[in-house]
C-alpha atoms as a PDB file:
ATOM      1  CA  MET A   1      12.493  13.711  11.249  1.00  0.00           C
ATOM      2  CA  PRO A   2       9.417  11.732  10.159  1.00  0.00           C
ATOM      3  CA  PRO A   3       9.936   8.573   8.091  1.00  0.00           C
ATOM      4  CA  ALA A   4       9.744   9.005   4.333  1.00  0.00           C
ATOM      5  CA  LYS A   5       6.419   8.321   2.634  1.00  0.00           C
ATOM      6  CA  PRO A   6       6.712   5.034   0.709  1.00  0.00           C
ATOM      7  CA  ILE A   7       4.273   6.190  -2.021  1.00  0.00           C
ATOM      8  CA  PRO A   8       3.207   9.715  -3.021  1.00  0.00           C
ATOM      9  CA  HIS A   9      -0.458   9.616  -1.959  1.00  0.00           C
ATOM     10  CA  CYS A  10      -0.123   8.529   1.662  1.00  0.00           C
ATOM     11  CA  TYR A  11       0.631   9.975   5.076  1.00  0.00           C
ATOM     12  CA  TRP A  12       1.771   8.776   8.469  1.00  0.00           C
ATOM     13  CA  VAL A  13      -1.104   8.831  10.968  1.00  0.00           C
ATOM     14  CA  GLU A  14       1.410   7.801  13.624  1.00  0.00           C
ATOM     15  CA  GLU A  15       4.988   8.241  12.430  1.00  0.00           C
ATOM     16  CA  GLY A  16       6.616   4.963  11.509  1.00  0.00           C
ATOM     17  CA  ARG A  17       3.672   2.926  12.820  1.00  0.00           C
ATOM     18  CA  PHE A  18       0.385   3.711  11.053  1.00  0.00           C
ATOM     19  CA  LEU A  19       0.313   4.614   7.363  1.00  0.00           C
ATOM     20  CA  ALA A  20      -2.838   5.719   5.508  1.00  0.00           C
ATOM     21  CA  GLY A  21      -3.240   6.392   1.825  1.00  0.00           C
ATOM     22  CA  GLU A  22      -4.626   5.515  -1.546  1.00  0.00           C
ATOM     23  CA  TYR A  23      -5.505   1.996  -2.623  1.00  0.00           C
ATOM     24  CA  PRO A  24      -2.131   0.814  -3.953  1.00  0.00           C
ATOM     25  CA  ARG A  25      -3.474  -1.337  -6.799  1.00  0.00           C
ATOM     26  CA  ASP A  26      -3.995   0.117 -10.269  1.00  0.00           C
ATOM     27  CA  TRP A  27      -4.520  -1.305 -13.750  1.00  0.00           C
ATOM     28  CA  GLN A  28      -0.817  -1.905 -14.382  1.00  0.00           C
ATOM     29  CA  GLU A  29       0.511  -4.829 -12.395  1.00  0.00           C
ATOM     30  CA  SER A  30       4.127  -3.621 -12.542  1.00  0.00           C
ATOM     31  CA  SER A  31       3.376  -0.231 -10.934  1.00  0.00           C
ATOM     32  CA  SER A  32       1.105  -1.939  -8.402  1.00  0.00           C
ATOM     33  CA  ARG A  33       3.945  -4.273  -7.440  1.00  0.00           C
ATOM     34  CA  GLN A  34       6.310  -1.295  -7.026  1.00  0.00           C
ATOM     35  CA  LYS A  35       3.856   0.539  -4.757  1.00  0.00           C
ATOM     36  CA  LEU A  36       3.084  -2.533  -2.684  1.00  0.00           C
ATOM     37  CA  GLN A  37       6.765  -3.377  -2.310  1.00  0.00           C
ATOM     38  CA  ALA A  38       7.506   0.167  -1.116  1.00  0.00           C
ATOM     39  CA  ILE A  39       4.697  -0.105   1.446  1.00  0.00           C
ATOM     40  CA  LEU A  40       5.976  -3.491   2.638  1.00  0.00           C
ATOM     41  CA  ASP A  41       9.543  -2.135   2.809  1.00  0.00           C
ATOM     42  CA  ALA A  42       8.242   0.649   5.078  1.00  0.00           C
ATOM     43  CA  GLY A  43       7.341  -2.053   7.593  1.00  0.00           C
ATOM     44  CA  THR A  44       3.662  -2.559   6.862  1.00  0.00           C
ATOM     45  CA  THR A  45       2.337  -5.787   8.354  1.00  0.00           C
ATOM     46  CA  ALA A  46      -1.412  -5.389   7.731  1.00  0.00           C
ATOM     47  CA  PHE A  47      -3.693  -3.823   5.137  1.00  0.00           C
ATOM     48  CA  VAL A  48      -7.226  -2.528   5.794  1.00  0.00           C
ATOM     49  CA  ASP A  49      -9.404  -1.602   2.814  1.00  0.00           C
ATOM     50  CA  PHE A  50     -12.201   0.906   3.483  1.00  0.00           C
ATOM     51  CA  ARG A  51     -13.151   1.457  -0.159  1.00  0.00           C
ATOM     52  CA  VAL A  52     -16.713   1.095  -1.330  1.00  0.00           C
ATOM     53  CA  MET A  53     -16.218   0.183  -4.966  1.00  0.00           C
ATOM     54  CA  SER A  54     -17.237  -2.642  -7.176  1.00  0.00           C
ATOM     55  CA  PRO A  55     -15.449  -4.601  -8.458  1.00  0.00           C
ATOM     56  CA  PRO A  56     -12.086  -4.068  -6.728  1.00  0.00           C
ATOM     57  CA  LEU A  57      -8.813  -5.015  -8.365  1.00  0.00           C
ATOM     58  CA  PRO A  58      -7.207  -8.015  -6.681  1.00  0.00           C
ATOM     59  CA  THR A  59      -4.311  -7.071  -4.431  1.00  0.00           C
ATOM     60  CA  SER A  60      -3.877 -10.194  -2.352  1.00  0.00           C
ATOM     61  CA  THR A  61      -1.995 -12.194  -4.986  1.00  0.00           C
ATOM     62  CA  ILE A  62       0.529  -9.402  -5.450  1.00  0.00           C
ATOM     63  CA  ILE A  63       1.000  -8.922  -1.699  1.00  0.00           C
ATOM     64  CA  TRP A  64       1.517 -12.616  -0.987  1.00  0.00           C
ATOM     65  CA  SER A  65       3.922 -13.070  -3.886  1.00  0.00           C
ATOM     66  CA  SER A  66       5.979 -10.141  -2.517  1.00  0.00           C
ATOM     67  CA  LEU A  67       6.508 -11.743   0.879  1.00  0.00           C
END
């Protein structure tokens, strides 16, 4: 059985090892924190951002405060 998806708009590229999905930050900090915490709880150890948008919402402060 594949691991559960930590957030709705994501998928396991390699089950339990490589997760891909939407940018987890949105305009509400509380929901962003919930999404990021779920991703971290799934075992994520690195984030790669391939978006081409300007300006991005800051995620790094939320991630580091969750650790």
